[in-house]
């Protein structure tokens, strides 16, 4: 069974393409300390089946998936179409 991790925040690049704008995601461990990792690591974790990531928005839990656009892998929420807006709306990680 995959481990679950909630994404609380993101870090963006200056790129305008929504599929390239997020460079890392982060969250909070149960002990209160923060974690952050690259999108490429998050993609590896999802594809390996070891981890499942999600966001919670207005009490609704939405899982993250790996998608491909123009040959490039990126993460998005399962609820989004081609633009990963749910993730882009999260706060910046400290």
PDB file of N, CA and C in Angstrom:
ATOM      1  N   UNK A   1       0.836  -1.184   0.000  1.00  0.00           N
ATOM      2  CA  UNK A   1       0.000   0.000   0.000  1.00  0.00           C
ATOM      3  C   UNK A   1       0.880   1.247   0.000  1.00  0.00           C
ATOM      4  N   UNK A   2       0.528   2.191  -0.830  1.00  0.00           N
ATOM      5  CA  UNK A   2       1.302   3.425  -0.963  1.00  0.00           C
ATOM      6  C   UNK A   2       1.169   4.304   0.275  1.00  0.00           C
ATOM      7  N   UNK A   3       2.243   5.046   0.567  1.00  0.00           N
ATOM      8  CA  UNK A   3       2.212   6.026   1.648  1.00  0.00           C
ATOM      9  C   UNK A   3       1.532   7.285   1.119  1.00  0.00           C
ATOM     10  N   UNK A   4       0.821   7.978   1.989  1.00  0.00           N
ATOM     11  CA  UNK A   4       0.116   9.207   1.605  1.00  0.00           C
ATOM     12  C   UNK A   4       0.867  10.442   2.090  1.00  0.00           C
ATOM     13  N   UNK A   5       0.885  11.467   1.262  1.00  0.00           N
ATOM     14  CA  UNK A   5       1.500  12.742   1.637  1.00  0.00           C
ATOM     15  C   UNK A   5       0.651  13.883   1.097  1.00  0.00           C
ATOM     16  N   UNK A   6       0.323  14.798   1.971  1.00  0.00           N
ATOM     17  CA  UNK A   6      -0.454  15.969   1.564  1.00  0.00           C
ATOM     18  C   UNK A   6       0.477  17.087   1.123  1.00  0.00           C
ATOM     19  N   UNK A   7       0.184  17.665  -0.028  1.00  0.00           N
ATOM     20  CA  UNK A   7       0.933  18.814  -0.536  1.00  0.00           C
ATOM     21  C   UNK A   7       0.268  20.068   0.036  1.00  0.00           C
ATOM     22  N   UNK A   8       1.061  20.871   0.753  1.00  0.00           N
ATOM     23  CA  UNK A   8       0.559  22.115   1.330  1.00  0.00           C
ATOM     24  C   UNK A   8       1.018  23.351   0.562  1.00  0.00           C
ATOM     25  N   UNK A   9       2.153  23.222  -0.142  1.00  0.00           N
ATOM     26  CA  UNK A   9       2.734  24.396  -0.779  1.00  0.00           C
ATOM     27  C   UNK A   9       3.551  23.982  -1.996  1.00  0.00           C
ATOM     28  N   UNK A  10       3.904  24.977  -2.813  1.00  0.00           N
ATOM     29  CA  UNK A  10       4.716  24.745  -4.007  1.00  0.00           C
ATOM     30  C   UNK A  10       5.747  25.848  -4.142  1.00  0.00           C
ATOM     31  N   UNK A  11       6.744  25.618  -4.969  1.00  0.00           N
ATOM     32  CA  UNK A  11       7.664  26.664  -5.396  1.00  0.00           C
ATOM     33  C   UNK A  11       7.616  26.704  -6.909  1.00  0.00           C
ATOM     34  N   UNK A  12       7.508  27.910  -7.437  1.00  0.00           N
ATOM     35  CA  UNK A  12       7.363  28.107  -8.882  1.00  0.00           C
ATOM     36  C   UNK A  12       8.650  28.639  -9.498  1.00  0.00           C
ATOM     37  N   UNK A  13       8.775  28.390 -10.790  1.00  0.00           N
ATOM     38  CA  UNK A  13       9.840  29.004 -11.573  1.00  0.00           C
ATOM     39  C   UNK A  13       9.267  30.275 -12.201  1.00  0.00           C
ATOM     40  N   UNK A  14      10.070  30.943 -13.009  1.00  0.00           N
ATOM     41  CA  UNK A  14       9.599  32.127 -13.725  1.00  0.00           C
ATOM     42  C   UNK A  14       8.979  31.776 -15.064  1.00  0.00           C
ATOM     43  N   UNK A  15       8.945  30.487 -15.414  1.00  0.00           N
ATOM     44  CA  UNK A  15       8.415  30.073 -16.711  1.00  0.00           C
ATOM     45  C   UNK A  15       6.918  30.311 -16.779  1.00  0.00           C
ATOM     46  N   UNK A  16       6.442  30.643 -17.964  1.00  0.00           N
ATOM     47  CA  UNK A  16       5.017  30.921 -18.145  1.00  0.00           C
ATOM     48  C   UNK A  16       4.205  29.661 -18.453  1.00  0.00           C
ATOM     49  N   UNK A  17       4.846  28.623 -18.989  1.00  0.00           N
ATOM     50  CA  UNK A  17       4.151  27.381 -19.306  1.00  0.00           C
ATOM     51  C   UNK A  17       3.675  26.727 -18.007  1.00  0.00           C
ATOM     52  N   UNK A  18       2.363  26.493 -17.836  1.00  0.00           N
ATOM     53  CA  UNK A  18       1.875  25.924 -16.581  1.00  0.00           C
ATOM     54  C   UNK A  18       2.428  24.543 -16.285  1.00  0.00           C
ATOM     55  N   UNK A  19       2.885  23.812 -17.300  1.00  0.00           N
ATOM     56  CA  UNK A  19       3.438  22.479 -17.088  1.00  0.00           C
ATOM     57  C   UNK A  19       4.872  22.529 -16.586  1.00  0.00           C
ATOM     58  N   UNK A  20       5.503  23.680 -16.625  1.00  0.00           N
ATOM     59  CA  UNK A  20       6.889  23.838 -16.187  1.00  0.00           C
ATOM     60  C   UNK A  20       7.022  24.805 -15.016  1.00  0.00           C
ATOM     61  N   UNK A  21       5.945  25.356 -14.559  1.00  0.00           N
ATOM     62  CA  UNK A  21       6.023  26.410 -13.538  1.00  0.00           C
ATOM     63  C   UNK A  21       6.327  25.900 -12.147  1.00  0.00           C
ATOM     64  N   UNK A  22       5.932  24.700 -11.821  1.00  0.00           N
ATOM     65  CA  UNK A  22       6.161  24.177 -10.471  1.00  0.00           C
ATOM     66  C   UNK A  22       7.475  23.413 -10.467  1.00  0.00           C
ATOM     67  N   UNK A  23       8.403  23.815  -9.574  1.00  0.00           N
ATOM     68  CA  UNK A  23       9.683  23.117  -9.495  1.00  0.00           C
ATOM     69  C   UNK A  23       9.792  22.236  -8.261  1.00  0.00           C
ATOM     70  N   UNK A  24       9.019  22.535  -7.217  1.00  0.00           N
ATOM     71  CA  UNK A  24       9.036  21.680  -6.034  1.00  0.00           C
ATOM     72  C   UNK A  24       7.700  21.788  -5.295  1.00  0.00           C
ATOM     73  N   UNK A  25       7.445  20.772  -4.492  1.00  0.00           N
ATOM     74  CA  UNK A  25       6.237  20.725  -3.670  1.00  0.00           C
ATOM     75  C   UNK A  25       6.659  20.455  -2.235  1.00  0.00           C
ATOM     76  N   UNK A  26       5.793  20.786  -1.305  1.00  0.00           N
ATOM     77  CA  UNK A  26       6.147  20.582   0.091  1.00  0.00           C
ATOM     78  C   UNK A  26       4.940  20.328   0.956  1.00  0.00           C
ATOM     79  N   UNK A  27       5.232  19.924   2.170  1.00  0.00           N
ATOM     80  CA  UNK A  27       4.180  19.634   3.133  1.00  0.00           C
ATOM     81  C   UNK A  27       4.728  19.671   4.545  1.00  0.00           C
ATOM     82  N   UNK A  28       3.997  19.055   5.454  1.00  0.00           N
ATOM     83  CA  UNK A  28       4.359  19.061   6.869  1.00  0.00           C
ATOM     84  C   UNK A  28       4.315  17.623   7.384  1.00  0.00           C
ATOM     85  N   UNK A  29       5.388  17.199   8.042  1.00  0.00           N
ATOM     86  CA  UNK A  29       5.422  15.887   8.687  1.00  0.00           C
ATOM     87  C   UNK A  29       4.511  15.896   9.909  1.00  0.00           C
ATOM     88  N   UNK A  30       4.110  14.716  10.385  1.00  0.00           N
ATOM     89  CA  UNK A  30       3.267  14.661  11.590  1.00  0.00           C
ATOM     90  C   UNK A  30       3.875  15.367  12.807  1.00  0.00           C
ATOM     91  N   UNK A  31       5.219  15.444  12.884  1.00  0.00           N
ATOM     92  CA  UNK A  31       5.866  16.103  14.016  1.00  0.00           C
ATOM     93  C   UNK A  31       5.929  17.624  13.863  1.00  0.00           C
ATOM     94  N   UNK A  32       5.395  18.144  12.736  1.00  0.00           N
ATOM     95  CA  UNK A  32       5.360  19.587  12.526  1.00  0.00           C
ATOM     96  C   UNK A  32       6.488  20.143  11.681  1.00  0.00           C
ATOM     97  N   UNK A  33       7.538  19.345  11.437  1.00  0.00           N
ATOM     98  CA  UNK A  33       8.624  19.835  10.584  1.00  0.00           C
ATOM     99  C   UNK A  33       8.175  19.803   9.125  1.00  0.00           C
ATOM    100  N   UNK A  34       8.811  20.627   8.323  1.00  0.00           N
ATOM    101  CA  UNK A  34       8.419  20.762   6.919  1.00  0.00           C
ATOM    102  C   UNK A  34       9.291  19.872   6.027  1.00  0.00           C
ATOM    103  N   UNK A  35       8.711  19.459   4.916  1.00  0.00           N
ATOM    104  CA  UNK A  35       9.457  18.735   3.895  1.00  0.00           C
ATOM    105  C   UNK A  35       9.226  19.410   2.547  1.00  0.00           C
ATOM    106  N   UNK A  36      10.174  19.221   1.644  1.00  0.00           N
ATOM    107  CA  UNK A  36      10.053  19.750   0.285  1.00  0.00           C
ATOM    108  C   UNK A  36      10.863  18.845  -0.630  1.00  0.00           C
ATOM    109  N   UNK A  37      10.335  18.630  -1.844  1.00  0.00           N
ATOM    110  CA  UNK A  37      11.082  17.840  -2.821  1.00  0.00           C
ATOM    111  C   UNK A  37      10.777  18.328  -4.228  1.00  0.00           C
ATOM    112  N   UNK A  38      11.638  17.968  -5.151  1.00  0.00           N
ATOM    113  CA  UNK A  38      11.488  18.400  -6.537  1.00  0.00           C
ATOM    114  C   UNK A  38      10.298  17.719  -7.197  1.00  0.00           C
ATOM    115  N   UNK A  39       9.806  18.334  -8.248  1.00  0.00           N
ATOM    116  CA  UNK A  39       8.725  17.728  -9.018  1.00  0.00           C
ATOM    117  C   UNK A  39       9.209  16.427  -9.657  1.00  0.00           C
ATOM    118  N   UNK A  40      10.461  16.388 -10.120  1.00  0.00           N
ATOM    119  CA  UNK A  40      10.963  15.155 -10.734  1.00  0.00           C
ATOM    120  C   UNK A  40      10.960  14.006  -9.734  1.00  0.00           C
ATOM    121  N   UNK A  41      11.306  14.268  -8.473  1.00  0.00           N
ATOM    122  CA  UNK A  41      11.251  13.222  -7.452  1.00  0.00           C
ATOM    123  C   UNK A  41       9.808  12.824  -7.170  1.00  0.00           C
ATOM    124  N   UNK A  42       8.914  13.793  -7.153  1.00  0.00           N
ATOM    125  CA  UNK A  42       7.496  13.515  -6.921  1.00  0.00           C
ATOM    126  C   UNK A  42       6.945  12.630  -8.034  1.00  0.00           C
ATOM    127  N   UNK A  43       7.329  12.908  -9.270  1.00  0.00           N
ATOM    128  CA  UNK A  43       6.902  12.080 -10.397  1.00  0.00           C
ATOM    129  C   UNK A  43       7.417  10.652 -10.226  1.00  0.00           C
ATOM    130  N   UNK A  44       8.694  10.490  -9.855  1.00  0.00           N
ATOM    131  CA  UNK A  44       9.265   9.155  -9.625  1.00  0.00           C
ATOM    132  C   UNK A  44       8.505   8.423  -8.523  1.00  0.00           C
ATOM    133  N   UNK A  45       8.187   9.131  -7.433  1.00  0.00           N
ATOM    134  CA  UNK A  45       7.483   8.523  -6.309  1.00  0.00           C
ATOM    135  C   UNK A  45       6.082   8.051  -6.708  1.00  0.00           C
ATOM    136  N   UNK A  46       5.380   8.860  -7.495  1.00  0.00           N
ATOM    137  CA  UNK A  46       4.032   8.494  -7.949  1.00  0.00           C
ATOM    138  C   UNK A  46       4.106   7.303  -8.896  1.00  0.00           C
ATOM    139  N   UNK A  47       5.015   7.364  -9.866  1.00  0.00           N
ATOM    140  CA  UNK A  47       5.124   6.293 -10.857  1.00  0.00           C
ATOM    141  C   UNK A  47       5.573   4.967 -10.245  1.00  0.00           C
ATOM    142  N   UNK A  48       6.354   5.024  -9.171  1.00  0.00           N
ATOM    143  CA  UNK A  48       6.813   3.796  -8.519  1.00  0.00           C
ATOM    144  C   UNK A  48       5.700   3.134  -7.714  1.00  0.00           C
ATOM    145  N   UNK A  49       4.653   3.895  -7.425  1.00  0.00           N
ATOM    146  CA  UNK A  49       3.564   3.374  -6.611  1.00  0.00           C
ATOM    147  C   UNK A  49       3.851   3.414  -5.119  1.00  0.00           C
ATOM    148  N   UNK A  50       5.031   3.932  -4.751  1.00  0.00           N
ATOM    149  CA  UNK A  50       5.411   3.993  -3.335  1.00  0.00           C
ATOM    150  C   UNK A  50       4.662   5.097  -2.583  1.00  0.00           C
ATOM    151  N   UNK A  51       4.360   6.192  -3.271  1.00  0.00           N
ATOM    152  CA  UNK A  51       3.700   7.339  -2.652  1.00  0.00           C
ATOM    153  C   UNK A  51       2.476   7.764  -3.448  1.00  0.00           C
ATOM    154  N   UNK A  52       1.503   8.283  -2.741  1.00  0.00           N
ATOM    155  CA  UNK A  52       0.364   8.973  -3.331  1.00  0.00           C
ATOM    156  C   UNK A  52       0.333  10.356  -2.702  1.00  0.00           C
ATOM    157  N   UNK A  53       0.256  11.373  -3.535  1.00  0.00           N
ATOM    158  CA  UNK A  53       0.206  12.751  -3.067  1.00  0.00           C
ATOM    159  C   UNK A  53      -1.180  13.311  -3.319  1.00  0.00           C
ATOM    160  N   UNK A  54      -1.580  14.248  -2.475  1.00  0.00           N
ATOM    161  CA  UNK A  54      -2.898  14.854  -2.632  1.00  0.00           C
ATOM    162  C   UNK A  54      -2.878  16.272  -2.093  1.00  0.00           C
ATOM    163  N   UNK A  55      -3.892  17.035  -2.493  1.00  0.00           N
ATOM    164  CA  UNK A  55      -4.141  18.325  -1.869  1.00  0.00           C
ATOM    165  C   UNK A  55      -5.551  18.272  -1.298  1.00  0.00           C
ATOM    166  N   UNK A  56      -5.796  19.137  -0.340  1.00  0.00           N
ATOM    167  CA  UNK A  56      -7.128  19.245   0.236  1.00  0.00           C
ATOM    168  C   UNK A  56      -7.587  20.683   0.049  1.00  0.00           C
ATOM    169  N   UNK A  57      -8.722  20.822  -0.593  1.00  0.00           N
ATOM    170  CA  UNK A  57      -9.241  22.143  -0.925  1.00  0.00           C
ATOM    171  C   UNK A  57     -10.700  22.216  -0.495  1.00  0.00           C
ATOM    172  N   UNK A  58     -11.000  23.099   0.445  1.00  0.00           N
ATOM    173  CA  UNK A  58     -12.368  23.251   0.952  1.00  0.00           C
ATOM    174  C   UNK A  58     -12.945  21.928   1.426  1.00  0.00           C
ATOM    175  N   UNK A  59     -12.110  21.132   2.108  1.00  0.00           N
ATOM    176  CA  UNK A  59     -12.555  19.847   2.643  1.00  0.00           C
ATOM    177  C   UNK A  59     -12.625  18.724   1.629  1.00  0.00           C
ATOM    178  N   UNK A  60     -12.269  19.003   0.384  1.00  0.00           N
ATOM    179  CA  UNK A  60     -12.296  17.984  -0.669  1.00  0.00           C
ATOM    180  C   UNK A  60     -10.865  17.530  -0.947  1.00  0.00           C
ATOM    181  N   UNK A  61     -10.650  16.228  -0.884  1.00  0.00           N
ATOM    182  CA  UNK A  61      -9.335  15.651  -1.140  1.00  0.00           C
ATOM    183  C   UNK A  61      -9.230  15.295  -2.621  1.00  0.00           C
ATOM    184  N   UNK A  62      -8.157  15.771  -3.251  1.00  0.00           N
ATOM    185  CA  UNK A  62      -7.939  15.524  -4.672  1.00  0.00           C
ATOM    186  C   UNK A  62      -6.527  14.969  -4.845  1.00  0.00           C
ATOM    187  N   UNK A  63      -6.410  13.825  -5.502  1.00  0.00           N
ATOM    188  CA  UNK A  63      -5.123  13.190  -5.713  1.00  0.00           C
ATOM    189  C   UNK A  63      -4.325  13.825  -6.839  1.00  0.00           C
ATOM    190  N   UNK A  64      -3.001  13.659  -6.763  1.00  0.00           N
ATOM    191  CA  UNK A  64      -2.107  14.108  -7.824  1.00  0.00           C
ATOM    192  C   UNK A  64      -1.835  12.948  -8.767  1.00  0.00           C
ATOM    193  N   UNK A  65      -1.679  13.279 -10.032  1.00  0.00           N
ATOM    194  CA  UNK A  65      -1.318  12.293 -11.039  1.00  0.00           C
ATOM    195  C   UNK A  65      -0.182  12.842 -11.887  1.00  0.00           C
ATOM    196  N   UNK A  66       0.456  11.945 -12.609  1.00  0.00           N
ATOM    197  CA  UNK A  66       1.478  12.345 -13.576  1.00  0.00           C
ATOM    198  C   UNK A  66       0.807  12.412 -14.935  1.00  0.00           C
ATOM    199  N   UNK A  67       1.028  13.509 -15.629  1.00  0.00           N
ATOM    200  CA  UNK A  67       0.489  13.693 -16.974  1.00  0.00           C
ATOM    201  C   UNK A  67       1.651  14.037 -17.905  1.00  0.00           C
ATOM    202  N   UNK A  68       1.398  13.948 -19.197  1.00  0.00           N
ATOM    203  CA  UNK A  68       2.408  14.283 -20.191  1.00  0.00           C
ATOM    204  C   UNK A  68       1.806  15.256 -21.193  1.00  0.00           C
ATOM    205  N   UNK A  69       2.557  16.304 -21.491  1.00  0.00           N
ATOM    206  CA  UNK A  69       2.136  17.282 -22.497  1.00  0.00           C
ATOM    207  C   UNK A  69       3.352  17.615 -23.347  1.00  0.00           C
ATOM    208  N   UNK A  70       3.218  17.468 -24.654  1.00  0.00           N
ATOM    209  CA  UNK A  70       4.330  17.708 -25.578  1.00  0.00           C
ATOM    210  C   UNK A  70       5.578  16.926 -25.171  1.00  0.00           C
ATOM    211  N   UNK A  71       5.379  15.698 -24.693  1.00  0.00           N
ATOM    212  CA  UNK A  71       6.490  14.828 -24.326  1.00  0.00           C
ATOM    213  C   UNK A  71       7.114  15.103 -22.979  1.00  0.00           C
ATOM    214  N   UNK A  72       6.571  16.043 -22.229  1.00  0.00           N
ATOM    215  CA  UNK A  72       7.147  16.402 -20.926  1.00  0.00           C
ATOM    216  C   UNK A  72       6.201  15.988 -19.804  1.00  0.00           C
ATOM    217  N   UNK A  73       6.742  15.276 -18.813  1.00  0.00           N
ATOM    218  CA  UNK A  73       5.935  14.857 -17.671  1.00  0.00           C
ATOM    219  C   UNK A  73       5.804  16.010 -16.680  1.00  0.00           C
ATOM    220  N   UNK A  74       4.639  16.070 -16.057  1.00  0.00           N
ATOM    221  CA  UNK A  74       4.387  17.065 -15.020  1.00  0.00           C
ATOM    222  C   UNK A  74       3.337  16.492 -14.082  1.00  0.00           C
ATOM    223  N   UNK A  75       3.132  17.159 -12.953  1.00  0.00           N
ATOM    224  CA  UNK A  75       2.108  16.720 -12.007  1.00  0.00           C
ATOM    225  C   UNK A  75       0.924  17.664 -12.072  1.00  0.00           C
ATOM    226  N   UNK A  76      -0.234  17.105 -11.807  1.00  0.00           N
ATOM    227  CA  UNK A  76      -1.455  17.900 -11.732  1.00  0.00           C
ATOM    228  C   UNK A  76      -2.424  17.148 -10.846  1.00  0.00           C
ATOM    229  N   UNK A  77      -3.481  17.820 -10.442  1.00  0.00           N
ATOM    230  CA  UNK A  77      -4.498  17.118  -9.678  1.00  0.00           C
ATOM    231  C   UNK A  77      -5.404  16.375 -10.642  1.00  0.00           C
ATOM    232  N   UNK A  78      -5.950  15.290 -10.168  1.00  0.00           N
ATOM    233  CA  UNK A  78      -6.824  14.470 -11.009  1.00  0.00           C
ATOM    234  C   UNK A  78      -8.040  15.255 -11.471  1.00  0.00           C
ATOM    235  N   UNK A  79      -8.407  16.309 -10.742  1.00  0.00           N
ATOM    236  CA  UNK A  79      -9.603  17.089 -11.070  1.00  0.00           C
ATOM    237  C   UNK A  79      -9.366  18.101 -12.187  1.00  0.00           C
ATOM    238  N   UNK A  80      -8.100  18.402 -12.489  1.00  0.00           N
ATOM    239  CA  UNK A  80      -7.785  19.412 -13.503  1.00  0.00           C
ATOM    240  C   UNK A  80      -7.787  18.811 -14.893  1.00  0.00           C
ATOM    241  N   UNK A  81      -8.065  19.649 -15.889  1.00  0.00           N
ATOM    242  CA  UNK A  81      -7.924  19.227 -17.277  1.00  0.00           C
ATOM    243  C   UNK A  81      -6.447  19.316 -17.650  1.00  0.00           C
ATOM    244  N   UNK A  82      -6.134  20.159 -18.609  1.00  0.00           N
ATOM    245  CA  UNK A  82      -4.750  20.244 -19.076  1.00  0.00           C
ATOM    246  C   UNK A  82      -3.917  21.238 -18.266  1.00  0.00           C
ATOM    247  N   UNK A  83      -4.538  22.151 -17.543  1.00  0.00           N
ATOM    248  CA  UNK A  83      -3.799  23.140 -16.752  1.00  0.00           C
ATOM    249  C   UNK A  83      -3.827  22.766 -15.280  1.00  0.00           C
ATOM    250  N   UNK A  84      -2.660  22.660 -14.636  1.00  0.00           N
ATOM    251  CA  UNK A  84      -2.595  22.276 -13.222  1.00  0.00           C
ATOM    252  C   UNK A  84      -2.899  23.444 -12.288  1.00  0.00           C
ATOM    253  N   UNK A  85      -4.063  24.038 -12.420  1.00  0.00           N
ATOM    254  CA  UNK A  85      -4.407  25.236 -11.657  1.00  0.00           C
ATOM    255  C   UNK A  85      -4.534  24.983 -10.165  1.00  0.00           C
ATOM    256  N   UNK A  86      -5.079  23.838  -9.751  1.00  0.00           N
ATOM    257  CA  UNK A  86      -5.215  23.569  -8.323  1.00  0.00           C
ATOM    258  C   UNK A  86      -3.865  23.670  -7.626  1.00  0.00           C
ATOM    259  N   UNK A  87      -2.834  23.117  -8.214  1.00  0.00           N
ATOM    260  CA  UNK A  87      -1.513  23.195  -7.625  1.00  0.00           C
ATOM    261  C   UNK A  87      -0.955  24.610  -7.685  1.00  0.00           C
ATOM    262  N   UNK A  88      -1.156  25.295  -8.794  1.00  0.00           N
ATOM    263  CA  UNK A  88      -0.617  26.650  -8.936  1.00  0.00           C
ATOM    264  C   UNK A  88      -1.234  27.626  -7.946  1.00  0.00           C
ATOM    265  N   UNK A  89      -2.388  27.301  -7.413  1.00  0.00           N
ATOM    266  CA  UNK A  89      -3.051  28.176  -6.451  1.00  0.00           C
ATOM    267  C   UNK A  89      -2.558  27.991  -5.026  1.00  0.00           C
ATOM    268  N   UNK A  90      -1.760  26.941  -4.778  1.00  0.00           N
ATOM    269  CA  UNK A  90      -1.234  26.742  -3.426  1.00  0.00           C
ATOM    270  C   UNK A  90      -0.214  27.812  -3.083  1.00  0.00           C
ATOM    271  N   UNK A  91      -0.034  28.042  -1.791  1.00  0.00           N
ATOM    272  CA  UNK A  91       0.937  29.037  -1.308  1.00  0.00           C
ATOM    273  C   UNK A  91       2.362  28.596  -1.630  1.00  0.00           C
ATOM    274  N   UNK A  92       3.259  29.560  -1.675  1.00  0.00           N
ATOM    275  CA  UNK A  92       4.675  29.271  -1.866  1.00  0.00           C
ATOM    276  C   UNK A  92       5.240  28.625  -0.599  1.00  0.00           C
ATOM    277  N   UNK A  93       6.092  27.621  -0.770  1.00  0.00           N
ATOM    278  CA  UNK A  93       6.762  26.996   0.368  1.00  0.00           C
ATOM    279  C   UNK A  93       7.800  27.969   0.929  1.00  0.00           C
ATOM    280  N   UNK A  94       7.940  27.987   2.255  1.00  0.00           N
ATOM    281  CA  UNK A  94       8.958  28.864   2.852  1.00  0.00           C
ATOM    282  C   UNK A  94      10.375  28.376   2.558  1.00  0.00           C
TER     283      UNK A  94
END
